[in-house]
Amino acid sequence: MDQQNLRIVPALTVDDQAWIRRSQIAVPKFWAGHSVAPHSGDAMRIGGRQFVVQARVWEHDSNGPILRLFMSSGHAESDTVFG
């Protein structure tokens, strides 16, 4: 598949989307220019939180193929110090 036509769209929980908006975090296009699409289990960090690809859904619209990534809920950094 031609990666230039593939749009990869992460689907985050409503709470995580709100956190990103409130924090004004720019979500980078992690897979732009890569020749391999992300797979289940891949992880990415946004603003200090980690998200894992839980499922992938292939879709197609008039602009071409879309790979929608359903991401795990991000976890806030803990303010608890261990040790």
Protein backbone atom coordinates (compact mmCIF):
# COMPACT_ATOMS: atom_id res chain seq x y z
CA MET A 1 0.00 0.00 0.00
CA ASP A 2 1.22 3.49 -0.80
CA GLN A 3 1.93 5.09 2.58
CA GLN A 4 1.52 8.60 1.14
CA ASN A 5 -2.22 8.00 0.66
CA LEU A 6 -2.75 6.31 4.01
CA ARG A 7 -4.13 8.49 6.79
CA ILE A 8 -3.44 7.22 10.30
CA VAL A 9 -5.89 8.59 12.86
CA PRO A 10 -5.52 7.85 16.57
CA ALA A 11 -8.85 7.51 18.41
CA LEU A 12 -8.43 8.58 22.04
CA THR A 13 -10.88 8.48 24.93
CA VAL A 14 -13.02 11.56 25.57
CA ASP A 15 -11.08 12.26 28.79
CA ASP A 16 -7.74 12.05 26.98
CA GLN A 17 -8.97 14.32 24.17
CA ALA A 18 -10.08 16.88 26.77
CA TRP A 19 -6.71 16.65 28.55
CA ILE A 20 -4.87 17.27 25.24
CA ARG A 21 -7.08 20.30 24.49
CA ARG A 22 -6.73 21.76 28.01
CA SER A 23 -2.97 21.23 28.01
CA GLN A 24 -2.68 22.61 24.46
CA ILE A 25 -0.48 19.69 23.45
CA ALA A 26 0.37 19.34 19.77
CA VAL A 27 -0.02 15.69 18.77
CA PRO A 28 2.73 14.88 16.26
CA LYS A 29 2.11 12.76 13.18
CA PHE A 30 4.06 9.84 14.60
CA TRP A 31 3.94 7.67 11.51
CA ALA A 32 4.36 10.31 8.80
CA GLY A 33 6.95 9.13 6.31
CA HIS A 34 7.24 5.61 7.75
CA SER A 35 6.93 2.64 5.44
CA VAL A 36 5.32 0.43 8.12
CA ALA A 37 1.89 1.08 9.62
CA PRO A 38 1.50 0.80 13.42
CA HIS A 39 0.31 -2.47 14.93
CA SER A 40 -1.61 -3.46 18.04
CA GLY A 41 0.66 -3.17 21.05
CA ASP A 42 2.68 -0.26 19.66
CA ALA A 43 3.00 2.60 22.15
CA MET A 44 3.38 6.35 21.81
CA ARG A 45 3.94 9.12 24.31
CA ILE A 46 2.05 12.38 24.19
CA GLY A 47 2.76 15.05 26.77
CA GLY A 48 4.35 12.59 29.20
CA ARG A 49 1.52 10.05 29.02
CA GLN A 50 1.76 6.68 27.31
CA PHE A 51 -0.90 5.33 24.96
CA VAL A 52 -0.96 1.81 23.49
CA VAL A 53 -2.64 0.76 20.25
CA GLN A 54 -5.39 -1.63 21.36
CA ALA A 55 -7.12 -2.15 18.02
CA ARG A 56 -6.84 -1.11 14.37
CA VAL A 57 -9.75 -0.48 12.04
CA TRP A 58 -9.34 -0.02 8.31
CA GLU A 59 -11.77 2.41 6.68
CA HIS A 60 -12.03 4.04 3.27
CA ASP A 61 -13.61 7.30 2.17
CA SER A 62 -13.50 9.44 -0.96
CA ASN A 63 -9.97 10.61 -0.05
CA GLY A 64 -8.55 7.10 0.29
CA PRO A 65 -7.70 4.60 3.02
CA ILE A 66 -7.77 5.42 6.73
CA LEU A 67 -6.20 3.38 9.49
CA ARG A 68 -7.98 4.29 12.74
CA LEU A 69 -6.04 3.38 15.87
CA PHE A 70 -8.04 2.82 19.03
CA MET A 71 -5.71 3.85 21.83
CA SER A 72 -5.64 2.85 25.48
CA SER A 73 -6.45 5.45 28.07
CA GLY A 74 -3.44 7.57 28.95
CA HIS A 75 -2.34 7.62 32.53
CA ALA A 76 -1.30 10.77 34.30
CA GLU A 77 2.17 10.95 35.65
CA SER A 78 2.14 10.01 39.30
CA ASP A 79 3.09 12.52 41.96
CA THR A 80 3.93 9.61 44.26
CA VAL A 81 7.61 8.89 44.82
CA PHE A 82 8.59 5.31 45.45
CA GLY A 83 11.85 4.41 47.20
